[in-house]
Amino acid sequence: MQVKGWSIDQAATYLHEERPLNSYDETKGWAADLASSPASGVETYPIDGLQYETARKRAQTALGSRFDSRAYHQMILSEGALPISALTAKIDRWIVTQR
């Protein structure tokens, strides 16, 4: 939110699109919590967030219509928290396997 300059509604819409299994009201609650206490979320690390966003766009561009958002997120989360350099390498390997 802080990096993009988004309102709570804009952040809630984004979160809901990225996490369709969660209700809009739930994602709006998360966005409101982040707005009131930005240190509570991962969004306080804007450099990693921007690198993650760039890697996702790279995967979407490379795979086009074959890009599966759910499969992508399962792959991202499968090993838990990783340093951004390890995550980027993992994304690159995943792109190759999805072609």
N, C-alpha and C. Protein backbone atom coordinates (compact mmCIF):
# COMPACT_ATOMS: atom_id res chain seq x y z
N MET A 1 0.83 -1.18 0.00
CA MET A 1 0.00 0.00 0.00
C MET A 1 0.88 1.25 0.00
N GLN A 2 1.89 1.22 0.84
CA GLN A 2 2.73 2.41 0.96
C GLN A 2 3.50 2.67 -0.32
N VAL A 3 4.02 1.62 -0.93
CA VAL A 3 4.83 1.78 -2.14
C VAL A 3 3.98 2.24 -3.31
N LYS A 4 2.79 1.66 -3.46
CA LYS A 4 1.91 1.98 -4.58
C LYS A 4 1.05 3.22 -4.32
N GLY A 5 0.97 3.65 -3.07
CA GLY A 5 0.12 4.78 -2.74
C GLY A 5 -1.36 4.43 -2.83
N TRP A 6 -1.70 3.17 -2.55
CA TRP A 6 -3.08 2.69 -2.69
C TRP A 6 -3.93 3.06 -1.48
N SER A 7 -5.20 3.23 -1.74
CA SER A 7 -6.18 3.38 -0.67
C SER A 7 -6.47 1.99 -0.11
N ILE A 8 -7.22 1.94 0.97
CA ILE A 8 -7.61 0.66 1.55
C ILE A 8 -8.43 -0.14 0.54
N ASP A 9 -9.35 0.53 -0.17
CA ASP A 9 -10.17 -0.18 -1.15
C ASP A 9 -9.33 -0.74 -2.30
N GLN A 10 -8.36 0.02 -2.78
CA GLN A 10 -7.50 -0.46 -3.86
C GLN A 10 -6.68 -1.67 -3.40
N ALA A 11 -6.15 -1.60 -2.19
CA ALA A 11 -5.38 -2.72 -1.65
C ALA A 11 -6.28 -3.93 -1.44
N ALA A 12 -7.48 -3.73 -0.95
CA ALA A 12 -8.42 -4.83 -0.72
C ALA A 12 -8.78 -5.50 -2.04
N THR A 13 -9.00 -4.71 -3.07
CA THR A 13 -9.32 -5.28 -4.38
C THR A 13 -8.17 -6.12 -4.89
N TYR A 14 -6.95 -5.62 -4.77
CA TYR A 14 -5.77 -6.37 -5.20
C TYR A 14 -5.65 -7.68 -4.40
N LEU A 15 -5.77 -7.59 -3.08
CA LEU A 15 -5.65 -8.78 -2.25
C LEU A 15 -6.73 -9.80 -2.59
N HIS A 16 -7.92 -9.33 -2.85
CA HIS A 16 -9.02 -10.24 -3.18
C HIS A 16 -8.77 -10.92 -4.54
N GLU A 17 -8.23 -10.19 -5.51
CA GLU A 17 -7.92 -10.79 -6.81
C GLU A 17 -6.81 -11.83 -6.67
N GLU A 18 -5.84 -11.59 -5.80
CA GLU A 18 -4.73 -12.51 -5.62
C GLU A 18 -5.07 -13.68 -4.71
N ARG A 19 -6.07 -13.50 -3.87
CA ARG A 19 -6.49 -14.55 -2.93
C ARG A 19 -7.99 -14.74 -3.06
N PRO A 20 -8.42 -15.30 -4.19
CA PRO A 20 -9.87 -15.38 -4.46
C PRO A 20 -10.65 -16.24 -3.49
N LEU A 21 -9.98 -17.08 -2.73
CA LEU A 21 -10.70 -17.90 -1.76
C LEU A 21 -11.08 -17.12 -0.50
N ASN A 22 -10.47 -15.94 -0.34
CA ASN A 22 -10.82 -15.08 0.78
C ASN A 22 -11.89 -14.08 0.33
N SER A 23 -12.80 -13.76 1.23
CA SER A 23 -13.86 -12.81 0.89
C SER A 23 -13.28 -11.40 0.76
N TYR A 24 -14.01 -10.56 0.04
CA TYR A 24 -13.57 -9.17 -0.11
C TYR A 24 -13.53 -8.49 1.26
N ASP A 25 -14.52 -8.77 2.10
CA ASP A 25 -14.54 -8.15 3.43
C ASP A 25 -13.30 -8.53 4.25
N GLU A 26 -12.88 -9.79 4.11
CA GLU A 26 -11.69 -10.25 4.83
C GLU A 26 -10.45 -9.51 4.32
N THR A 27 -10.30 -9.42 3.00
CA THR A 27 -9.12 -8.73 2.46
C THR A 27 -9.17 -7.24 2.78
N LYS A 28 -10.38 -6.66 2.85
CA LYS A 28 -10.49 -5.24 3.23
C LYS A 28 -10.05 -5.06 4.67
N GLY A 29 -10.36 -6.04 5.52
CA GLY A 29 -9.89 -5.98 6.91
C GLY A 29 -8.38 -6.03 7.00
N TRP A 30 -7.76 -6.90 6.19
CA TRP A 30 -6.29 -6.97 6.16
C TRP A 30 -5.70 -5.64 5.72
N ALA A 31 -6.29 -5.07 4.66
CA ALA A 31 -5.79 -3.80 4.13
C ALA A 31 -5.92 -2.70 5.18
N ALA A 32 -7.04 -2.67 5.89
CA ALA A 32 -7.24 -1.67 6.94
C ALA A 32 -6.23 -1.86 8.06
N ASP A 33 -5.95 -3.11 8.42
CA ASP A 33 -4.94 -3.38 9.45
C ASP A 33 -3.57 -2.89 9.01
N LEU A 34 -3.22 -3.14 7.75
CA LEU A 34 -1.93 -2.68 7.24
C LEU A 34 -1.84 -1.16 7.22
N ALA A 35 -2.94 -0.51 6.89
CA ALA A 35 -2.94 0.95 6.84
C ALA A 35 -2.76 1.54 8.24
N SER A 36 -3.34 0.89 9.24
CA SER A 36 -3.25 1.42 10.60
C SER A 36 -1.94 1.05 11.28
N SER A 37 -1.32 -0.05 10.84
CA SER A 37 -0.07 -0.50 11.44
C SER A 37 0.80 -1.13 10.37
N PRO A 38 1.43 -0.32 9.51
CA PRO A 38 2.17 -0.85 8.38
C PRO A 38 3.28 -1.82 8.75
N ALA A 39 3.81 -1.74 9.96
CA ALA A 39 4.89 -2.64 10.35
C ALA A 39 4.40 -4.06 10.57
N SER A 40 3.08 -4.27 10.54
CA SER A 40 2.55 -5.61 10.81
C SER A 40 2.60 -6.53 9.59
N GLY A 41 2.92 -6.00 8.42
CA GLY A 41 2.87 -6.83 7.22
C GLY A 41 4.15 -6.83 6.44
N VAL A 42 4.23 -7.79 5.56
CA VAL A 42 5.39 -7.96 4.69
C VAL A 42 5.55 -6.76 3.75
N GLU A 43 4.49 -6.01 3.53
CA GLU A 43 4.54 -4.86 2.63
C GLU A 43 5.48 -3.77 3.12
N THR A 44 6.00 -3.90 4.33
CA THR A 44 6.95 -2.91 4.84
C THR A 44 8.33 -3.11 4.23
N TYR A 45 8.50 -4.15 3.43
CA TYR A 45 9.77 -4.41 2.77
C TYR A 45 9.59 -4.15 1.28
N PRO A 46 9.56 -2.88 0.88
CA PRO A 46 9.20 -2.55 -0.51
C PRO A 46 10.15 -3.09 -1.57
N ILE A 47 11.43 -3.20 -1.28
CA ILE A 47 12.37 -3.68 -2.30
C ILE A 47 12.05 -5.12 -2.66
N ASP A 48 11.91 -5.99 -1.65
CA ASP A 48 11.56 -7.39 -1.93
C ASP A 48 10.19 -7.48 -2.60
N GLY A 49 9.26 -6.66 -2.17
CA GLY A 49 7.93 -6.66 -2.77
C GLY A 49 7.98 -6.32 -4.25
N LEU A 50 8.79 -5.33 -4.59
CA LEU A 50 8.92 -4.94 -6.00
C LEU A 50 9.63 -6.04 -6.79
N GLN A 51 10.62 -6.68 -6.19
CA GLN A 51 11.31 -7.78 -6.88
C GLN A 51 10.37 -8.96 -7.08
N TYR A 52 9.54 -9.24 -6.10
CA TYR A 52 8.56 -10.31 -6.23
C TYR A 52 7.58 -9.99 -7.36
N GLU A 53 7.10 -8.75 -7.38
CA GLU A 53 6.16 -8.34 -8.43
C GLU A 53 6.80 -8.45 -9.81
N THR A 54 8.06 -8.06 -9.93
CA THR A 54 8.77 -8.16 -11.20
C THR A 54 8.91 -9.62 -11.63
N ALA A 55 9.23 -10.50 -10.69
CA ALA A 55 9.38 -11.93 -11.01
C ALA A 55 8.04 -12.52 -11.46
N ARG A 56 6.96 -12.13 -10.81
CA ARG A 56 5.63 -12.63 -11.21
C ARG A 56 5.29 -12.16 -12.62
N LYS A 57 5.55 -10.91 -12.90
CA LYS A 57 5.28 -10.38 -14.25
C LYS A 57 6.14 -11.10 -15.29
N ARG A 58 7.38 -11.40 -14.93
CA ARG A 58 8.26 -12.14 -15.83
C ARG A 58 7.68 -13.51 -16.13
N ALA A 59 7.17 -14.18 -15.10
CA ALA A 59 6.54 -15.50 -15.29
C ALA A 59 5.29 -15.38 -16.15
N GLN A 60 4.47 -14.38 -15.89
CA GLN A 60 3.25 -14.19 -16.68
C GLN A 60 3.58 -13.92 -18.15
N THR A 61 4.58 -13.10 -18.39
CA THR A 61 4.98 -12.78 -19.76
C THR A 61 5.56 -14.01 -20.46
N ALA A 62 6.42 -14.73 -19.75
CA ALA A 62 7.06 -15.90 -20.36
C ALA A 62 6.06 -17.01 -20.68
N LEU A 63 5.06 -17.17 -19.83
CA LEU A 63 4.13 -18.28 -20.01
C LEU A 63 2.83 -17.90 -20.71
N GLY A 64 2.53 -16.63 -20.77
CA GLY A 64 1.30 -16.19 -21.44
C GLY A 64 0.07 -16.88 -20.88
N SER A 65 -0.72 -17.48 -21.76
CA SER A 65 -1.97 -18.12 -21.34
C SER A 65 -1.72 -19.39 -20.51
N ARG A 66 -0.50 -19.89 -20.50
CA ARG A 66 -0.18 -21.08 -19.69
C ARG A 66 0.10 -20.72 -18.23
N PHE A 67 0.18 -19.43 -17.94
CA PHE A 67 0.43 -19.01 -16.55
C PHE A 67 -0.79 -19.35 -15.70
N ASP A 68 -0.56 -20.10 -14.63
CA ASP A 68 -1.62 -20.50 -13.71
C ASP A 68 -1.31 -19.87 -12.35
N SER A 69 -2.11 -18.89 -11.98
CA SER A 69 -1.87 -18.14 -10.74
C SER A 69 -1.84 -19.04 -9.51
N ARG A 70 -2.76 -19.99 -9.44
CA ARG A 70 -2.80 -20.88 -8.27
C ARG A 70 -1.57 -21.77 -8.21
N ALA A 71 -1.16 -22.32 -9.33
CA ALA A 71 0.04 -23.16 -9.36
C ALA A 71 1.27 -22.33 -9.00
N TYR A 72 1.30 -21.09 -9.49
CA TYR A 72 2.41 -20.19 -9.18
C TYR A 72 2.51 -19.96 -7.67
N HIS A 73 1.39 -19.65 -7.05
CA HIS A 73 1.41 -19.37 -5.62
C HIS A 73 1.71 -20.63 -4.79
N GLN A 74 1.25 -21.78 -5.23
CA GLN A 74 1.60 -23.02 -4.54
C GLN A 74 3.11 -23.25 -4.60
N MET A 75 3.69 -23.00 -5.78
CA MET A 75 5.13 -23.16 -5.94
C MET A 75 5.87 -22.17 -5.04
N ILE A 76 5.42 -20.94 -5.00
CA ILE A 76 6.08 -19.91 -4.18
C ILE A 76 6.08 -20.31 -2.70
N LEU A 77 4.95 -20.84 -2.24
CA LEU A 77 4.79 -21.13 -0.82
C LEU A 77 5.28 -22.51 -0.39
N SER A 78 5.61 -23.36 -1.34
CA SER A 78 5.89 -24.76 -1.03
C SER A 78 7.07 -24.98 -0.08
N GLU A 79 8.05 -24.12 -0.07
CA GLU A 79 9.22 -24.29 0.80
C GLU A 79 9.26 -23.28 1.94
N GLY A 80 8.20 -22.54 2.11
CA GLY A 80 8.19 -21.53 3.17
C GLY A 80 8.96 -20.29 2.75
N ALA A 81 9.34 -19.50 3.73
CA ALA A 81 10.03 -18.24 3.47
C ALA A 81 11.43 -18.50 2.92
N LEU A 82 11.75 -17.78 1.86
CA LEU A 82 13.07 -17.88 1.23
C LEU A 82 13.62 -16.47 1.02
N PRO A 83 14.94 -16.32 1.02
CA PRO A 83 15.51 -15.04 0.63
C PRO A 83 15.10 -14.73 -0.81
N ILE A 84 14.98 -13.46 -1.14
CA ILE A 84 14.48 -13.08 -2.47
C ILE A 84 15.35 -13.66 -3.58
N SER A 85 16.65 -13.76 -3.38
CA SER A 85 17.52 -14.32 -4.43
C SER A 85 17.19 -15.80 -4.68
N ALA A 86 16.94 -16.56 -3.61
CA ALA A 86 16.57 -17.96 -3.76
C ALA A 86 15.19 -18.09 -4.39
N LEU A 87 14.27 -17.22 -3.99
CA LEU A 87 12.92 -17.25 -4.55
C LEU A 87 12.94 -16.92 -6.04
N THR A 88 13.74 -15.94 -6.43
CA THR A 88 13.84 -15.56 -7.84
C THR A 88 14.39 -16.73 -8.66
N ALA A 89 15.40 -17.41 -8.16
CA ALA A 89 15.96 -18.57 -8.86
C ALA A 89 14.92 -19.68 -8.96
N LYS A 90 14.15 -19.87 -7.91
CA LYS A 90 13.10 -20.88 -7.91
C LYS A 90 12.04 -20.55 -8.96
N ILE A 91 11.67 -19.29 -9.05
CA ILE A 91 10.68 -18.85 -10.06
C ILE A 91 11.23 -19.10 -11.46
N ASP A 92 12.49 -18.78 -11.67
CA ASP A 92 13.10 -19.01 -12.99
C ASP A 92 13.06 -20.49 -13.37
N ARG A 93 13.37 -21.36 -12.42
CA ARG A 93 13.32 -22.80 -12.68
C ARG A 93 11.89 -23.24 -12.98
N TRP A 94 10.92 -22.70 -12.25
CA TRP A 94 9.52 -23.06 -12.45
C TRP A 94 9.06 -22.65 -13.84
N ILE A 95 9.46 -21.47 -14.29
CA ILE A 95 9.07 -21.00 -15.63
C ILE A 95 9.53 -22.02 -16.67
N VAL A 96 10.75 -22.51 -16.56
CA VAL A 96 11.29 -23.49 -17.52
C VAL A 96 10.44 -24.76 -17.51
N THR A 97 10.02 -25.21 -16.33
CA THR A 97 9.25 -26.47 -16.26
C THR A 97 7.83 -26.31 -16.77
N GLN A 98 7.33 -25.09 -16.84
CA GLN A 98 5.95 -24.86 -17.28
C GLN A 98 5.81 -24.64 -18.78
N ARG A 99 6.93 -24.48 -19.46
CA ARG A 99 6.87 -24.21 -20.91
C ARG A 99 6.50 -25.41 -21.71
